[in-house]
Amino acid sequence: MAKSNLRQILADNVRRYRARVGISQDNFAIECGVHRTYVGQVERCERNVTLATLELFAKATGVSVPQLLTKNGVA
């Protein structure tokens, strides 16, 4: 199964923004209220996310949802 380009963009941006704020996958998951394996699966393009989860990820990384979904985070 081919990976969705949008899922790859999201995965790259979540990883980059999470690293930028200096938070581990475990602590990011706790902050977002999701399981730690879920964060890893999103970052590896193995899971789709809901709009609600996108909002949680955006809040935790301090960026907007459009930034999470735009290549190189430029929205």
PDB file of N, CA and C in Angstrom:
ATOM      1  N   MET A   1       0.839  -1.179   0.000  1.00  0.00           N
ATOM      2  CA  MET A   1       0.000   0.000   0.000  1.00  0.00           C
ATOM      3  C   MET A   1       0.882   1.240   0.000  1.00  0.00           C
ATOM      4  N   ALA A   2       0.614   2.163  -0.901  1.00  0.00           N
ATOM      5  CA  ALA A   2       1.396   3.401  -0.989  1.00  0.00           C
ATOM      6  C   ALA A   2       0.988   4.354   0.120  1.00  0.00           C
ATOM      7  N   LYS A   3       1.970   5.051   0.633  1.00  0.00           N
ATOM      8  CA  LYS A   3       1.697   6.035   1.672  1.00  0.00           C
ATOM      9  C   LYS A   3       1.083   7.277   1.044  1.00  0.00           C
ATOM     10  N   SER A   4       0.142   7.853   1.762  1.00  0.00           N
ATOM     11  CA  SER A   4      -0.456   9.106   1.320  1.00  0.00           C
ATOM     12  C   SER A   4       0.570  10.219   1.464  1.00  0.00           C
ATOM     13  N   ASN A   5       0.672  11.070   0.447  1.00  0.00           N
ATOM     14  CA  ASN A   5       1.584  12.194   0.516  1.00  0.00           C
ATOM     15  C   ASN A   5       1.236  13.087   1.703  1.00  0.00           C
ATOM     16  N   LEU A   6      -0.054  13.300   1.950  1.00  0.00           N
ATOM     17  CA  LEU A   6      -0.476  14.143   3.067  1.00  0.00           C
ATOM     18  C   LEU A   6      -0.092  13.506   4.400  1.00  0.00           C
ATOM     19  N   ARG A   7      -0.226  12.191   4.509  1.00  0.00           N
ATOM     20  CA  ARG A   7       0.201  11.510   5.741  1.00  0.00           C
ATOM     21  C   ARG A   7       1.699  11.651   5.948  1.00  0.00           C
ATOM     22  N   GLN A   8       2.482  11.598   4.869  1.00  0.00           N
ATOM     23  CA  GLN A   8       3.935  11.761   4.987  1.00  0.00           C
ATOM     24  C   GLN A   8       4.276  13.180   5.425  1.00  0.00           C
ATOM     25  N   ILE A   9       3.595  14.157   4.866  1.00  0.00           N
ATOM     26  CA  ILE A   9       3.821  15.549   5.270  1.00  0.00           C
ATOM     27  C   ILE A   9       3.498  15.712   6.752  1.00  0.00           C
ATOM     28  N   LEU A  10       2.352  15.170   7.180  1.00  0.00           N
ATOM     29  CA  LEU A  10       1.978  15.250   8.594  1.00  0.00           C
ATOM     30  C   LEU A  10       3.023  14.571   9.469  1.00  0.00           C
ATOM     31  N   ALA A  11       3.447  13.376   9.084  1.00  0.00           N
ATOM     32  CA  ALA A  11       4.439  12.643   9.868  1.00  0.00           C
ATOM     33  C   ALA A  11       5.725  13.451  10.014  1.00  0.00           C
ATOM     34  N   ASP A  12       6.207  13.996   8.918  1.00  0.00           N
ATOM     35  CA  ASP A  12       7.432  14.783   8.961  1.00  0.00           C
ATOM     36  C   ASP A  12       7.273  16.017   9.837  1.00  0.00           C
ATOM     37  N   ASN A  13       6.135  16.698   9.694  1.00  0.00           N
ATOM     38  CA  ASN A  13       5.920  17.915  10.468  1.00  0.00           C
ATOM     39  C   ASN A  13       5.730  17.635  11.950  1.00  0.00           C
ATOM     40  N   VAL A  14       4.992  16.600  12.300  1.00  0.00           N
ATOM     41  CA  VAL A  14       4.818  16.264  13.719  1.00  0.00           C
ATOM     42  C   VAL A  14       6.178  15.963  14.332  1.00  0.00           C
ATOM     43  N   ARG A  15       6.973  15.163  13.655  1.00  0.00           N
ATOM     44  CA  ARG A  15       8.303  14.810  14.166  1.00  0.00           C
ATOM     45  C   ARG A  15       9.167  16.062  14.330  1.00  0.00           C
ATOM     46  N   ARG A  16       9.169  16.918  13.317  1.00  0.00           N
ATOM     47  CA  ARG A  16      10.006  18.115  13.357  1.00  0.00           C
ATOM     48  C   ARG A  16       9.556  19.094  14.446  1.00  0.00           C
ATOM     49  N   TYR A  17       8.264  19.369  14.499  1.00  0.00           N
ATOM     50  CA  TYR A  17       7.775  20.317  15.501  1.00  0.00           C
ATOM     51  C   TYR A  17       7.896  19.756  16.912  1.00  0.00           C
ATOM     52  N   ARG A  18       7.690  18.461  17.075  1.00  0.00           N
ATOM     53  CA  ARG A  18       7.852  17.834  18.392  1.00  0.00           C
ATOM     54  C   ARG A  18       9.298  17.967  18.854  1.00  0.00           C
ATOM     55  N   ALA A  19      10.229  17.730  17.936  1.00  0.00           N
ATOM     56  CA  ALA A  19      11.656  17.863  18.266  1.00  0.00           C
ATOM     57  C   ALA A  19      12.005  19.322  18.558  1.00  0.00           C
ATOM     58  N   ARG A  20      11.389  20.231  17.824  1.00  0.00           N
ATOM     59  CA  ARG A  20      11.671  21.658  18.012  1.00  0.00           C
ATOM     60  C   ARG A  20      11.300  22.123  19.418  1.00  0.00           C
ATOM     61  N   VAL A  21      10.209  21.597  19.953  1.00  0.00           N
ATOM     62  CA  VAL A  21       9.826  21.972  21.319  1.00  0.00           C
ATOM     63  C   VAL A  21      10.506  21.082  22.360  1.00  0.00           C
ATOM     64  N   GLY A  22      11.308  20.118  21.882  1.00  0.00           N
ATOM     65  CA  GLY A  22      12.125  19.301  22.782  1.00  0.00           C
ATOM     66  C   GLY A  22      11.340  18.328  23.638  1.00  0.00           C
ATOM     67  N   ILE A  23      10.355  17.684  23.028  1.00  0.00           N
ATOM     68  CA  ILE A  23       9.523  16.743  23.781  1.00  0.00           C
ATOM     69  C   ILE A  23       9.622  15.349  23.147  1.00  0.00           C
ATOM     70  N   SER A  24       9.732  14.348  23.983  1.00  0.00           N
ATOM     71  CA  SER A  24       9.821  12.966  23.500  1.00  0.00           C
ATOM     72  C   SER A  24       8.454  12.504  22.996  1.00  0.00           C
ATOM     73  N   GLN A  25       8.458  11.402  22.269  1.00  0.00           N
ATOM     74  CA  GLN A  25       7.183  10.821  21.819  1.00  0.00           C
ATOM     75  C   GLN A  25       6.301  10.488  23.013  1.00  0.00           C
ATOM     76  N   ASP A  26       6.906   9.927  24.067  1.00  0.00           N
ATOM     77  CA  ASP A  26       6.137   9.557  25.262  1.00  0.00           C
ATOM     78  C   ASP A  26       5.470  10.768  25.888  1.00  0.00           C
ATOM     79  N   ASN A  27       6.237  11.826  26.115  1.00  0.00           N
ATOM     80  CA  ASN A  27       5.676  13.014  26.745  1.00  0.00           C
ATOM     81  C   ASN A  27       4.697  13.742  25.827  1.00  0.00           C
ATOM     82  N   PHE A  28       4.961  13.704  24.533  1.00  0.00           N
ATOM     83  CA  PHE A  28       4.038  14.286  23.566  1.00  0.00           C
ATOM     84  C   PHE A  28       2.703  13.553  23.626  1.00  0.00           C
ATOM     85  N   ALA A  29       2.753  12.239  23.665  1.00  0.00           N
ATOM     86  CA  ALA A  29       1.533  11.433  23.752  1.00  0.00           C
ATOM     87  C   ALA A  29       0.754  11.756  25.019  1.00  0.00           C
ATOM     88  N   ILE A  30       1.459  11.870  26.132  1.00  0.00           N
ATOM     89  CA  ILE A  30       0.799  12.214  27.398  1.00  0.00           C
ATOM     90  C   ILE A  30       0.122  13.575  27.288  1.00  0.00           C
ATOM     91  N   GLU A  31       0.838  14.547  26.749  1.00  0.00           N
ATOM     92  CA  GLU A  31       0.290  15.895  26.605  1.00  0.00           C
ATOM     93  C   GLU A  31      -0.944  15.917  25.706  1.00  0.00           C
ATOM     94  N   CYS A  32      -0.941  15.073  24.678  1.00  0.00           N
ATOM     95  CA  CYS A  32      -2.062  15.032  23.737  1.00  0.00           C
ATOM     96  C   CYS A  32      -3.185  14.103  24.189  1.00  0.00           C
ATOM     97  N   GLY A  33      -2.921  13.271  25.185  1.00  0.00           N
ATOM     98  CA  GLY A  33      -3.934  12.335  25.660  1.00  0.00           C
ATOM     99  C   GLY A  33      -4.132  11.148  24.742  1.00  0.00           C
ATOM    100  N   VAL A  34      -3.056  10.745  24.058  1.00  0.00           N
ATOM    101  CA  VAL A  34      -3.112   9.566  23.191  1.00  0.00           C
ATOM    102  C   VAL A  34      -2.041   8.577  23.656  1.00  0.00           C
ATOM    103  N   HIS A  35      -2.110   7.363  23.151  1.00  0.00           N
ATOM    104  CA  HIS A  35      -1.126   6.349  23.530  1.00  0.00           C
ATOM    105  C   HIS A  35       0.198   6.621  22.816  1.00  0.00           C
ATOM    106  N   ARG A  36       1.293   6.309  23.471  1.00  0.00           N
ATOM    107  CA  ARG A  36       2.624   6.602  22.902  1.00  0.00           C
ATOM    108  C   ARG A  36       2.866   5.865  21.587  1.00  0.00           C
ATOM    109  N   THR A  37       2.326   4.658  21.463  1.00  0.00           N
ATOM    110  CA  THR A  37       2.527   3.932  20.204  1.00  0.00           C
ATOM    111  C   THR A  37       1.776   4.608  19.052  1.00  0.00           C
ATOM    112  N   TYR A  38       0.688   5.280  19.368  1.00  0.00           N
ATOM    113  CA  TYR A  38      -0.076   5.997  18.351  1.00  0.00           C
ATOM    114  C   TYR A  38       0.771   7.100  17.739  1.00  0.00           C
ATOM    115  N   VAL A  39       1.489   7.847  18.560  1.00  0.00           N
ATOM    116  CA  VAL A  39       2.353   8.915  18.056  1.00  0.00           C
ATOM    117  C   VAL A  39       3.401   8.328  17.119  1.00  0.00           C
ATOM    118  N   GLY A  40       4.026   7.244  17.514  1.00  0.00           N
ATOM    119  CA  GLY A  40       5.011   6.589  16.651  1.00  0.00           C
ATOM    120  C   GLY A  40       4.411   6.118  15.348  1.00  0.00           C
ATOM    121  N   GLN A  41       3.201   5.578  15.402  1.00  0.00           N
ATOM    122  CA  GLN A  41       2.533   5.113  14.193  1.00  0.00           C
ATOM    123  C   GLN A  41       2.203   6.276  13.265  1.00  0.00           C
ATOM    124  N   VAL A  42       1.808   7.412  13.830  1.00  0.00           N
ATOM    125  CA  VAL A  42       1.543   8.592  12.999  1.00  0.00           C
ATOM    126  C   VAL A  42       2.838   9.055  12.347  1.00  0.00           C
ATOM    127  N   GLU A  43       3.917   9.101  13.125  1.00  0.00           N
ATOM    128  CA  GLU A  43       5.199   9.556  12.593  1.00  0.00           C
ATOM    129  C   GLU A  43       5.783   8.597  11.556  1.00  0.00           C
ATOM    130  N   ARG A  44       5.334   7.348  11.554  1.00  0.00           N
ATOM    131  CA  ARG A  44       5.781   6.378  10.550  1.00  0.00           C
ATOM    132  C   ARG A  44       4.752   6.197   9.434  1.00  0.00           C
ATOM    133  N   CYS A  45       3.746   7.044   9.391  1.00  0.00           N
ATOM    134  CA  CYS A  45       2.683   6.998   8.368  1.00  0.00           C
ATOM    135  C   CYS A  45       1.864   5.716   8.429  1.00  0.00           C
ATOM    136  N   GLU A  46       1.734   5.131   9.577  1.00  0.00           N
ATOM    137  CA  GLU A  46       0.974   3.888   9.710  1.00  0.00           C
ATOM    138  C   GLU A  46      -0.467   4.124  10.141  1.00  0.00           C
ATOM    139  N   ARG A  47      -0.778   5.338  10.582  1.00  0.00           N
ATOM    140  CA  ARG A  47      -2.125   5.642  11.074  1.00  0.00           C
ATOM    141  C   ARG A  47      -2.653   6.912  10.437  1.00  0.00           C
ATOM    142  N   ASN A  48      -3.949   6.932  10.220  1.00  0.00           N
ATOM    143  CA  ASN A  48      -4.643   8.157   9.862  1.00  0.00           C
ATOM    144  C   ASN A  48      -5.037   8.850  11.163  1.00  0.00           C
ATOM    145  N   VAL A  49      -5.208  10.142  11.103  1.00  0.00           N
ATOM    146  CA  VAL A  49      -5.607  10.876  12.297  1.00  0.00           C
ATOM    147  C   VAL A  49      -6.945  11.560  12.065  1.00  0.00           C
ATOM    148  N   THR A  50      -7.636  11.833  13.157  1.00  0.00           N
ATOM    149  CA  THR A  50      -8.891  12.570  13.080  1.00  0.00           C
ATOM    150  C   THR A  50      -8.603  14.063  13.157  1.00  0.00           C
ATOM    151  N   LEU A  51      -9.605  14.855  12.834  1.00  0.00           N
ATOM    152  CA  LEU A  51      -9.461  16.305  12.972  1.00  0.00           C
ATOM    153  C   LEU A  51      -9.196  16.686  14.421  1.00  0.00           C
ATOM    154  N   ALA A  52      -9.842  16.004  15.345  1.00  0.00           N
ATOM    155  CA  ALA A  52      -9.635  16.286  16.765  1.00  0.00           C
ATOM    156  C   ALA A  52      -8.183  16.023  17.164  1.00  0.00           C
ATOM    157  N   THR A  53      -7.603  14.950  16.637  1.00  0.00           N
ATOM    158  CA  THR A  53      -6.207  14.646  16.943  1.00  0.00           C
ATOM    159  C   THR A  53      -5.280  15.671  16.317  1.00  0.00           C
ATOM    160  N   LEU A  54      -5.593  16.119  15.111  1.00  0.00           N
ATOM    161  CA  LEU A  54      -4.790  17.178  14.488  1.00  0.00           C
ATOM    162  C   LEU A  54      -4.773  18.418  15.372  1.00  0.00           C
ATOM    163  N   GLU A  55      -5.922  18.762  15.941  1.00  0.00           N
ATOM    164  CA  GLU A  55      -5.993  19.923  16.827  1.00  0.00           C
ATOM    165  C   GLU A  55      -5.127  19.713  18.069  1.00  0.00           C
ATOM    166  N   LEU A  56      -5.143  18.511  18.633  1.00  0.00           N
ATOM    167  CA  LEU A  56      -4.311  18.208  19.801  1.00  0.00           C
ATOM    168  C   LEU A  56      -2.821  18.327  19.464  1.00  0.00           C
ATOM    169  N   PHE A  57      -2.440  17.769  18.316  1.00  0.00           N
ATOM    170  CA  PHE A  57      -1.043  17.832  17.888  1.00  0.00           C
ATOM    171  C   PHE A  57      -0.606  19.270  17.641  1.00  0.00           C
ATOM    172  N   ALA A  58      -1.477  20.063  17.025  1.00  0.00           N
ATOM    173  CA  ALA A  58      -1.151  21.462  16.749  1.00  0.00           C
ATOM    174  C   ALA A  58      -0.960  22.229  18.054  1.00  0.00           C
ATOM    175  N   LYS A  59      -1.862  22.041  18.976  1.00  0.00           N
ATOM    176  CA  LYS A  59      -1.764  22.745  20.263  1.00  0.00           C
ATOM    177  C   LYS A  59      -0.478  22.363  21.000  1.00  0.00           C
ATOM    178  N   ALA A  60      -0.148  21.078  21.002  1.00  0.00           N
ATOM    179  CA  ALA A  60       1.030  20.596  21.724  1.00  0.00           C
ATOM    180  C   ALA A  60       2.341  21.076  21.100  1.00  0.00           C
ATOM    181  N   THR A  61       2.321  21.332  19.797  1.00  0.00           N
ATOM    182  CA  THR A  61       3.544  21.776  19.122  1.00  0.00           C
ATOM    183  C   THR A  61       3.591  23.284  18.929  1.00  0.00           C
ATOM    184  N   GLY A  62       2.466  23.955  19.221  1.00  0.00           N
ATOM    185  CA  GLY A  62       2.429  25.402  19.101  1.00  0.00           C
ATOM    186  C   GLY A  62       2.323  25.918  17.679  1.00  0.00           C
ATOM    187  N   VAL A  63       1.752  25.107  16.795  1.00  0.00           N
ATOM    188  CA  VAL A  63       1.558  25.523  15.406  1.00  0.00           C
ATOM    189  C   VAL A  63       0.087  25.337  15.044  1.00  0.00           C
ATOM    190  N   SER A  64      -0.282  25.774  13.859  1.00  0.00           N
ATOM    191  CA  SER A  64      -1.664  25.612  13.405  1.00  0.00           C
ATOM    192  C   SER A  64      -1.845  24.269  12.700  1.00  0.00           C
ATOM    193  N   VAL A  65      -3.089  23.854  12.591  1.00  0.00           N
ATOM    194  CA  VAL A  65      -3.393  22.626  11.841  1.00  0.00           C
ATOM    195  C   VAL A  65      -2.916  22.749  10.397  1.00  0.00           C
ATOM    196  N   PRO A  66      -3.180  23.870   9.710  1.00  0.00           N
ATOM    197  CA  PRO A  66      -2.658  23.982   8.339  1.00  0.00           C
ATOM    198  C   PRO A  66      -1.135  23.831   8.259  1.00  0.00           C
ATOM    199  N   GLN A  67      -0.413  24.320   9.247  1.00  0.00           N
ATOM    200  CA  GLN A  67       1.040  24.137   9.242  1.00  0.00           C
ATOM    201  C   GLN A  67       1.417  22.665   9.348  1.00  0.00           C
ATOM    202  N   LEU A  68       0.668  21.906  10.110  1.00  0.00           N
ATOM    203  CA  LEU A  68       0.953  20.471  10.230  1.00  0.00           C
ATOM    204  C   LEU A  68       0.710  19.739   8.918  1.00  0.00           C
ATOM    205  N   LEU A  69      -0.159  20.284   8.087  1.00  0.00           N
ATOM    206  CA  LEU A  69      -0.548  19.601   6.847  1.00  0.00           C
ATOM    207  C   LEU A  69       0.092  20.186   5.594  1.00  0.00           C
ATOM    208  N   THR A  70       1.022  21.116   5.772  1.00  0.00           N
ATOM    209  CA  THR A  70       1.655  21.769   4.639  1.00  0.00           C
ATOM    210  C   THR A  70       3.123  21.379   4.570  1.00  0.00           C
ATOM    211  N   LYS A  71       3.584  21.033   3.387  1.00  0.00           N
ATOM    212  CA  LYS A  71       4.979  20.621   3.214  1.00  0.00           C
ATOM    213  C   LYS A  71       5.907  21.661   3.816  1.00  0.00           C
ATOM    214  N   ASN A  72       6.849  21.195   4.609  1.00  0.00           N
ATOM    215  CA  ASN A  72       7.821  22.026   5.315  1.00  0.00           C
ATOM    216  C   ASN A  72       7.157  22.975   6.317  1.00  0.00           C
ATOM    217  N   GLY A  73       5.888  22.722   6.650  1.00  0.00           N
ATOM    218  CA  GLY A  73       5.207  23.490   7.671  1.00  0.00           C
ATOM    219  C   GLY A  73       4.935  24.933   7.339  1.00  0.00           C
ATOM    220  N   VAL A  74       4.951  25.276   6.062  1.00  0.00           N
ATOM    221  CA  VAL A  74       4.719  26.649   5.650  1.00  0.00           C
ATOM    222  C   VAL A  74       3.281  26.766   5.157  1.00  0.00           C
ATOM    223  N   ALA A  75       2.472  27.474   5.933  1.00  0.00           N
ATOM    224  CA  ALA A  75       1.066  27.630   5.539  1.00  0.00           C
ATOM    225  C   ALA A  75       0.731  29.102   5.380  1.00  0.00           C
TER     226      ALA A  75
END
